Amino acid sequence: MNNQISNPKVEVEKGIDLNDKDYITCVLTSLKELEKNYAIALTEASNEELFQKYFNIFENISRLQREVYEVMFKKG
């Protein structure tokens, strides 16, 4: 049984124009930063209602970040 983790390597065009890899990397990076910032906001929430609102947003961002990562991994 092969337990090696791998994904297909896809070559992208080089140049000054943004390509799909550039765009999705930007999306992933932004989601990761949002996730970190909401984690900090959760620790500083001043009441339970605010904490729950931040937590719901944090969960959604975390889920979306994972979905974007999965797409990137599958596409190489």
Protein backbone atom coordinates (compact mmCIF):
# COMPACT_ATOMS: atom_id res chain seq x y z
CA MET A 1 0.00 0.00 0.00
CA ASN A 2 1.38 3.39 -1.03
CA ASN A 3 0.96 5.98 1.75
CA GLN A 4 2.76 8.72 -0.14
CA ILE A 5 0.83 11.97 -0.41
CA SER A 6 1.07 13.48 -3.86
CA ASN A 7 -0.78 15.68 -6.25
CA PRO A 8 -0.29 16.29 -9.96
CA LYS A 9 2.21 18.99 -10.85
CA VAL A 10 0.78 21.45 -13.33
CA GLU A 11 3.07 23.85 -15.14
CA VAL A 12 1.76 27.38 -15.57
CA GLU A 13 2.86 30.04 -17.98
CA LYS A 14 5.45 32.46 -16.69
CA GLY A 15 5.21 36.16 -17.37
CA ILE A 16 3.89 39.38 -15.98
CA ASP A 17 0.21 38.50 -16.42
CA LEU A 18 -1.60 36.88 -13.53
CA ASN A 19 -2.73 33.31 -14.11
CA ASP A 20 -5.21 31.04 -12.33
CA LYS A 21 -2.54 29.88 -9.88
CA ASP A 22 -1.77 33.48 -8.92
CA TYR A 23 -5.44 34.28 -8.34
CA ILE A 24 -6.22 31.22 -6.24
CA THR A 25 -3.02 31.65 -4.24
CA CYS A 26 -4.11 35.21 -3.46
CA VAL A 27 -7.55 33.94 -2.39
CA LEU A 28 -6.02 31.26 -0.16
CA THR A 29 -3.57 33.69 1.41
CA SER A 30 -6.35 36.18 2.13
CA LEU A 31 -8.54 33.50 3.71
CA LYS A 32 -5.66 32.31 5.89
CA GLU A 33 -5.04 35.88 7.11
CA LEU A 34 -8.76 36.33 7.83
CA GLU A 35 -8.79 33.06 9.74
CA LYS A 36 -5.85 34.17 11.90
CA ASN A 37 -7.40 37.56 12.57
CA TYR A 38 -10.75 36.06 13.57
CA ALA A 39 -8.94 33.66 15.92
CA ILE A 40 -7.47 36.70 17.64
CA ALA A 41 -10.84 38.47 17.67
CA LEU A 42 -12.37 35.40 19.34
CA THR A 43 -9.94 35.68 22.23
CA GLU A 44 -10.83 39.35 22.68
CA ALA A 45 -14.61 39.23 22.27
CA SER A 46 -16.17 41.24 25.07
CA ASN A 47 -19.38 39.21 25.43
CA GLU A 48 -20.94 35.88 24.46
CA GLU A 49 -23.10 37.26 21.64
CA LEU A 50 -20.11 38.88 19.95
CA PHE A 51 -18.06 35.72 20.52
CA GLN A 52 -20.73 33.58 18.82
CA LYS A 53 -20.94 35.92 15.81
CA TYR A 54 -17.16 35.88 15.41
CA PHE A 55 -17.08 32.12 15.90
CA ASN A 56 -19.68 31.53 13.16
CA ILE A 57 -17.71 33.71 10.76
CA PHE A 58 -14.48 31.95 11.78
CA GLU A 59 -16.02 28.53 11.05
CA ASN A 60 -17.22 29.65 7.63
CA ILE A 61 -13.85 31.15 6.72
CA SER A 62 -12.08 28.00 7.94
CA ARG A 63 -14.34 25.79 5.85
CA LEU A 64 -13.88 27.96 2.76
CA GLN A 65 -10.12 28.08 3.25
CA ARG A 66 -10.04 24.28 3.37
CA GLU A 67 -12.18 24.00 0.22
CA VAL A 68 -9.86 26.36 -1.68
CA TYR A 69 -6.84 24.38 -0.50
CA GLU A 70 -8.45 21.11 -1.64
CA VAL A 71 -9.11 22.57 -5.11
CA MET A 72 -5.51 23.75 -5.34
CA PHE A 73 -4.18 20.36 -4.25
CA LYS A 74 -6.35 18.45 -6.73
CA LYS A 75 -5.36 20.77 -9.59
CA GLY A 76 -1.67 20.54 -8.73
